[in-house]
Amino acid sequence: MKIMRPALFALSLAAVGSLFAAAQEMHHPPKVLLIDREFLKPGKGGSLHDKSEGKFVADMAAAKWPTHYIALNSMSGKSRALYLIGYETFEAMEKDNNAFMKDTALSAELDKDTITDGDLLSGTDQFLLTLDDDLSYRPDVDIAQARDFEITSFEIKPGKSKEWHELVSMVIEAHKKAGTSAHWATYDLAYGGDDEYVAFSADKSLADIDTGFAEDKKFHDALGEEGINKLRELEADCIASTDSELFAINPAQSYPMDEWVKEAPDFWKPKHAASAAKPAAKPATKPAQ
């Protein structure tokens, strides 16, 4: 189900936003983001999908593949999984793809894993996005401590980029004035869709969303009546639609950096999952294309 809500409301709830960061340090999100989305057949999620995706993770770990990713499972909307892979440049993504394609052993194992995983899926698609620093607000975060993501997309009307940037600037200034805990990283959809922007908010727990709601009055007070009216005018002028969804990080389907595991081992590599894991006969990698 598509959740529609105004940009004013959606952005004001962005409590703790960002993407990948090294352990115990606040780092900037990657400049290029690849999202691999999988839609699950009814009854094919949960442990079945964990086991299937776990093959990719085990094979990547055996291969000591340098590119890591985070898996998100939907808590709203259609049953689906997102795999977030970050790069600093498109060239870096190309090099990662080329390295994989040149390894025939990895390709063979990947084919087997993909067939198994495909039996659980009703469809897949992919998106490439680029970070927009001007539309982001305090985006750095320690991803090792993140547990949930709120992802809000904004479809912009043709020719309304100037109004969209003005709208977000007003939202950012209001948060600064109100002193809220808001943080988010905004990406521009470069390939895979229309003129869309996507704001990512990573939460340490769902309690961060409660904090966002509690701070909403401070945000509105900072805007004032005139500012709220102006923001609503800009929203009606430049935004065609919005869609906000909630996701939980699934460590069983993620290929985390060693630093994240060291910082939060009970989450990223729980003992029961480690004991159930089986070593792969040959290494493979989840594709970044």
Protein backbone atom coordinates (compact mmCIF):
# COMPACT_ATOMS: atom_id res chain seq x y z
CA MET A 1 0.00 0.00 0.00
CA LYS A 2 1.37 3.39 -0.93
CA ILE A 3 1.59 5.78 2.00
CA MET A 4 1.04 9.39 0.94
CA ARG A 5 1.99 12.26 3.18
CA PRO A 6 3.21 15.85 2.69
CA ALA A 7 6.91 16.61 2.42
CA LEU A 8 6.69 18.84 5.49
CA PHE A 9 5.54 15.90 7.60
CA ALA A 10 7.85 13.32 6.04
CA LEU A 11 11.05 15.33 6.36
CA SER A 12 10.23 16.53 9.86
CA LEU A 13 10.20 12.92 11.05
CA ALA A 14 13.69 12.08 9.76
CA ALA A 15 15.27 11.37 13.13
CA VAL A 16 18.70 9.80 12.58
CA GLY A 17 19.64 9.57 8.90
CA SER A 18 22.63 8.23 7.00
CA LEU A 19 24.10 5.16 5.39
CA PHE A 20 27.44 3.42 5.71
CA ALA A 21 29.97 4.41 8.39
CA ALA A 22 32.99 2.88 10.07
CA ALA A 23 32.72 1.62 13.64
CA GLN A 24 32.46 4.24 16.38
CA GLU A 25 33.08 7.00 13.84
CA MET A 26 30.72 9.31 11.99
CA HIS A 27 31.40 9.06 8.26
CA HIS A 28 29.79 10.58 5.20
CA PRO A 29 27.42 8.40 3.15
CA PRO A 30 28.69 6.98 -0.16
CA LYS A 31 28.35 9.19 -3.22
CA VAL A 32 26.88 6.42 -5.37
CA LEU A 33 24.25 4.02 -4.03
CA LEU A 34 23.08 0.84 -5.74
CA ILE A 35 19.80 -0.61 -4.50
CA ASP A 36 18.91 -4.16 -5.47
CA ARG A 37 15.22 -4.78 -4.65
CA GLU A 38 13.63 -8.21 -4.39
CA PHE A 39 9.88 -8.82 -4.11
CA LEU A 40 9.01 -12.01 -2.24
CA LYS A 41 6.31 -14.52 -3.07
CA PRO A 42 3.67 -15.02 -0.34
CA GLY A 43 5.04 -17.26 2.42
CA LYS A 44 8.60 -17.21 1.02
CA GLY A 45 10.16 -14.73 3.42
CA GLY A 46 11.51 -15.19 6.92
CA SER A 47 13.90 -18.07 7.51
CA LEU A 48 13.52 -19.36 3.95
CA HIS A 49 14.85 -16.14 2.49
CA ASP A 50 17.47 -15.82 5.25
CA LYS A 51 18.84 -19.23 4.31
CA SER A 52 18.90 -18.42 0.60
CA GLU A 53 20.57 -15.03 1.07
CA GLY A 54 22.92 -16.53 3.62
CA LYS A 55 24.56 -18.46 0.79
CA PHE A 56 25.58 -15.19 -0.86
CA VAL A 57 26.93 -13.89 2.46
CA ALA A 58 28.90 -17.07 3.21
CA ASP A 59 30.38 -17.16 -0.28
CA MET A 60 31.40 -13.50 -0.12
CA ALA A 61 33.02 -14.00 3.27
CA ALA A 62 34.94 -17.02 1.97
CA ALA A 63 36.12 -14.97 -0.99
CA LYS A 64 36.98 -12.03 1.31
CA TRP A 65 35.19 -9.80 -1.17
CA PRO A 66 35.92 -6.13 -0.37
CA THR A 67 32.47 -4.73 -1.24
CA HIS A 68 29.96 -4.94 1.60
CA TYR A 69 26.21 -4.38 1.72
CA ILE A 70 23.28 -3.93 4.09
CA ALA A 71 20.04 -5.90 3.75
CA LEU A 72 16.73 -4.30 4.68
CA ASN A 73 13.45 -6.19 5.09
CA SER A 74 10.13 -4.36 4.72
CA MET A 75 7.99 -3.54 7.75
CA SER A 76 5.39 -1.76 5.62
CA GLY A 77 4.10 -2.08 2.08
CA LYS A 78 4.74 -5.14 -0.07
CA SER A 79 6.94 -7.95 1.23
CA ARG A 80 10.38 -7.11 -0.16
CA ALA A 81 14.08 -6.84 0.60
CA LEU A 82 16.50 -4.06 -0.29
CA TYR A 83 20.26 -4.50 -0.61
CA LEU A 84 22.22 -1.26 -0.28
CA ILE A 85 25.69 -1.18 -1.83
CA GLY A 86 27.74 2.02 -1.65
CA TYR A 87 30.54 3.28 -3.91
CA GLU A 88 32.49 6.51 -3.99
CA THR A 89 32.30 6.71 -7.80
CA PHE A 90 30.65 4.98 -10.75
CA GLU A 91 34.14 3.93 -11.80
CA ALA A 92 34.58 2.10 -8.51
CA MET A 93 31.32 0.27 -9.16
CA GLU A 94 32.52 -0.70 -12.63
CA LYS A 95 35.80 -2.04 -11.24
CA ASP A 96 33.88 -4.13 -8.72
CA ASN A 97 31.67 -5.54 -11.49
CA ASN A 98 34.65 -6.28 -13.74
CA ALA A 99 36.53 -8.07 -10.98
CA PHE A 100 33.53 -10.29 -10.38
CA MET A 101 32.94 -11.04 -14.06
CA LYS A 102 36.56 -12.10 -14.56
CA ASP A 103 36.30 -14.77 -11.86
CA THR A 104 34.59 -17.74 -13.49
CA ALA A 105 34.47 -19.70 -10.23
CA LEU A 106 32.58 -16.92 -8.53
CA SER A 107 30.22 -16.63 -11.50
CA ALA A 108 29.43 -20.35 -11.40
CA GLU A 109 28.62 -20.31 -7.70
CA LEU A 110 26.58 -17.15 -8.10
CA ASP A 111 24.48 -18.78 -10.80
CA LYS A 112 23.56 -21.59 -8.39
CA ASP A 113 22.73 -19.18 -5.58
CA THR A 114 20.66 -16.99 -7.90
CA ILE A 115 18.56 -19.94 -9.08
CA THR A 116 17.81 -20.97 -5.49
CA ASP A 117 16.99 -17.43 -4.45
CA GLY A 118 14.89 -16.83 -7.56
CA ASP A 119 12.43 -19.53 -6.55
CA LEU A 120 11.40 -17.33 -3.62
CA LEU A 121 10.91 -14.14 -5.62
CA SER A 122 8.07 -12.66 -7.64
CA GLY A 123 10.24 -9.94 -9.18
CA THR A 124 13.36 -7.81 -8.90
CA ASP A 125 14.56 -4.37 -9.95
CA GLN A 126 17.53 -2.08 -9.38
CA PHE A 127 18.22 1.60 -8.90
CA LEU A 128 21.28 3.83 -8.96
CA LEU A 129 21.26 6.99 -6.88
CA THR A 130 23.73 9.80 -6.22
CA LEU A 131 24.16 11.68 -2.95
CA ASP A 132 22.93 15.28 -2.83
CA ASP A 133 24.74 17.02 0.02
CA ASP A 134 22.73 20.22 -0.39
CA LEU A 135 19.49 18.36 0.35
CA SER A 136 20.92 16.29 3.21
CA TYR A 137 21.00 17.34 6.85
CA ARG A 138 23.70 16.04 9.24
CA PRO A 139 23.79 12.72 7.36
CA ASP A 140 26.76 11.10 9.14
CA VAL A 141 26.06 8.20 11.50
CA ASP A 142 27.63 5.07 12.98
CA ILE A 143 25.86 2.41 10.90
CA ALA A 144 27.04 -0.37 13.23
CA GLN A 145 24.48 0.86 15.76
CA ALA A 146 21.61 1.29 13.27
CA ARG A 147 18.72 -1.17 13.36
CA ASP A 148 15.95 0.34 11.21
CA PHE A 149 15.52 2.59 8.18
CA GLU A 150 12.75 4.97 7.22
CA ILE A 151 12.94 5.64 3.48
CA THR A 152 10.91 8.46 1.96
CA SER A 153 10.79 9.10 -1.79
CA PHE A 154 9.65 12.33 -3.43
CA GLU A 155 8.57 12.48 -7.07
CA ILE A 156 9.22 16.00 -8.37
CA LYS A 157 7.06 17.69 -11.00
CA PRO A 158 8.84 18.54 -14.29
CA GLY A 159 10.64 21.88 -14.21
CA LYS A 160 10.20 22.35 -10.46
CA SER A 161 13.74 21.64 -9.24
CA LYS A 162 14.24 25.21 -8.00
CA GLU A 163 11.07 25.07 -5.87
CA TRP A 164 12.06 21.65 -4.51
CA HIS A 165 15.46 22.91 -3.38
CA GLU A 166 13.81 25.95 -1.77
CA LEU A 167 11.40 23.68 0.10
CA VAL A 168 14.16 21.45 1.50
CA SER A 169 16.26 24.48 2.46
CA MET A 170 13.34 25.80 4.50
CA VAL A 171 12.94 22.43 6.24
CA ILE A 172 16.65 22.28 7.08
CA GLU A 173 16.70 25.83 8.48
CA ALA A 174 13.64 25.09 10.62
CA HIS A 175 15.33 22.02 12.10
CA LYS A 176 18.44 24.05 12.87
CA LYS A 177 16.37 26.72 14.59
CA ALA A 178 14.32 24.17 16.55
CA GLY A 179 17.37 22.17 17.60
CA THR A 180 15.74 18.84 16.77
CA SER A 181 17.57 15.52 16.51
CA ALA A 182 16.77 15.30 12.78
CA HIS A 183 19.33 13.79 10.38
CA TRP A 184 18.92 12.41 6.87
CA ALA A 185 20.83 11.62 3.69
CA THR A 186 19.14 12.57 0.42
CA TYR A 187 19.86 10.81 -2.86
CA ASP A 188 18.89 11.77 -6.40
CA LEU A 189 17.60 8.86 -8.48
CA ALA A 190 20.03 8.78 -11.40
CA TYR A 191 18.92 5.54 -13.11
CA GLY A 192 15.87 3.34 -12.68
CA GLY A 193 13.00 5.81 -12.40
CA ASP A 194 11.67 9.33 -12.88
CA ASP A 195 12.75 12.63 -11.31
CA GLU A 196 12.86 11.32 -7.77
CA TYR A 197 14.71 12.03 -4.55
CA VAL A 198 15.02 9.55 -1.71
CA ALA A 199 15.69 10.47 1.93
CA PHE A 200 17.19 7.77 4.18
CA SER A 201 16.81 7.87 7.97
CA ALA A 202 18.69 5.22 9.95
CA ASP A 203 17.39 4.63 13.48
CA LYS A 204 19.10 3.01 16.45
CA SER A 205 15.63 1.75 17.38
CA LEU A 206 12.03 2.50 16.56
CA ALA A 207 12.03 4.75 19.62
CA ASP A 208 13.81 7.30 17.41
CA ILE A 209 10.58 7.62 15.42
CA ASP A 210 8.73 8.41 18.64
CA THR A 211 11.31 11.15 19.26
CA GLY A 212 10.65 12.54 15.79
CA PHE A 213 6.92 12.77 16.48
CA ALA A 214 7.56 14.39 19.87
CA GLU A 215 9.79 17.02 18.23
CA ASP A 216 7.27 17.83 15.52
CA LYS A 217 5.79 20.73 17.48
CA LYS A 218 9.25 22.31 17.90
CA PHE A 219 9.73 22.04 14.16
CA HIS A 220 6.38 23.69 13.39
CA ASP A 221 7.00 26.42 15.97
CA ALA A 222 10.34 27.18 14.33
CA LEU A 223 8.61 27.59 10.97
CA GLY A 224 5.80 29.73 12.26
CA GLU A 225 2.43 30.11 10.58
CA GLU A 226 3.85 32.04 7.65
CA GLY A 227 6.58 29.48 7.09
CA ILE A 228 4.15 26.56 7.26
CA ASN A 229 1.89 28.19 4.67
CA LYS A 230 4.88 28.88 2.40
CA LEU A 231 6.08 25.30 2.75
CA ARG A 232 2.65 23.95 1.85
CA GLU A 233 2.54 26.16 -1.23
CA LEU A 234 5.94 24.90 -2.36
CA GLU A 235 4.91 21.32 -1.71
CA ALA A 236 1.77 21.65 -3.84
CA ASP A 237 3.79 23.37 -6.55
CA CYS A 238 6.71 20.98 -6.91
CA ILE A 239 5.90 17.54 -5.43
CA ALA A 240 3.83 15.08 -7.45
CA SER A 241 3.77 12.37 -4.75
CA THR A 242 5.58 11.03 -1.70
CA ASP A 243 5.95 7.52 -0.34
CA SER A 244 7.34 6.61 3.10
CA GLU A 245 8.17 3.05 4.11
CA LEU A 246 9.77 1.41 7.14
CA PHE A 247 12.47 -1.27 6.94
CA ALA A 248 14.44 -3.32 9.46
CA ILE A 249 18.10 -4.20 8.95
CA ASN A 250 18.46 -7.97 8.60
CA PRO A 251 21.97 -9.04 9.69
CA ALA A 252 21.39 -12.59 8.40
CA GLN A 253 21.12 -11.23 4.84
CA SER A 254 23.79 -8.52 5.19
CA TYR A 255 27.49 -8.66 4.41
CA PRO A 256 28.80 -6.23 7.06
CA MET A 257 32.20 -4.63 7.40
CA ASP A 258 34.48 -6.20 10.04
CA GLU A 259 34.40 -2.94 11.99
CA TRP A 260 30.63 -3.13 12.37
CA VAL A 261 30.85 -6.73 13.60
CA LYS A 262 33.52 -5.84 16.17
CA GLU A 263 31.40 -2.98 17.49
CA ALA A 264 28.10 -4.89 17.70
CA PRO A 265 28.83 -8.64 17.31
CA ASP A 266 25.61 -9.78 18.98
CA PHE A 267 23.61 -8.02 16.26
CA TRP A 268 25.67 -8.49 13.10
CA LYS A 269 26.94 -12.02 13.87
CA PRO A 270 24.78 -13.58 16.60
CA LYS A 271 26.07 -16.85 18.03
CA HIS A 272 23.04 -18.89 16.95
CA ALA A 273 23.49 -17.70 13.34
CA ALA A 274 27.21 -18.40 13.37
CA SER A 275 26.71 -21.95 14.62
CA ALA A 276 24.09 -22.62 11.94
CA ALA A 277 26.23 -21.30 9.09
CA LYS A 278 27.85 -23.82 6.76
CA PRO A 279 31.13 -23.11 4.94
CA ALA A 280 30.83 -22.69 1.19
CA ALA A 281 32.63 -25.10 -1.13
CA LYS A 282 33.61 -22.29 -3.47
CA PRO A 283 33.47 -18.50 -3.01
CA ALA A 284 30.91 -16.35 -4.73
CA THR A 285 29.66 -12.81 -4.49
CA LYS A 286 26.33 -11.13 -4.65
CA PRO A 287 26.38 -9.08 -7.82
CA ALA A 288 26.61 -5.31 -7.80
CA GLN A 289 24.82 -4.90 -11.10
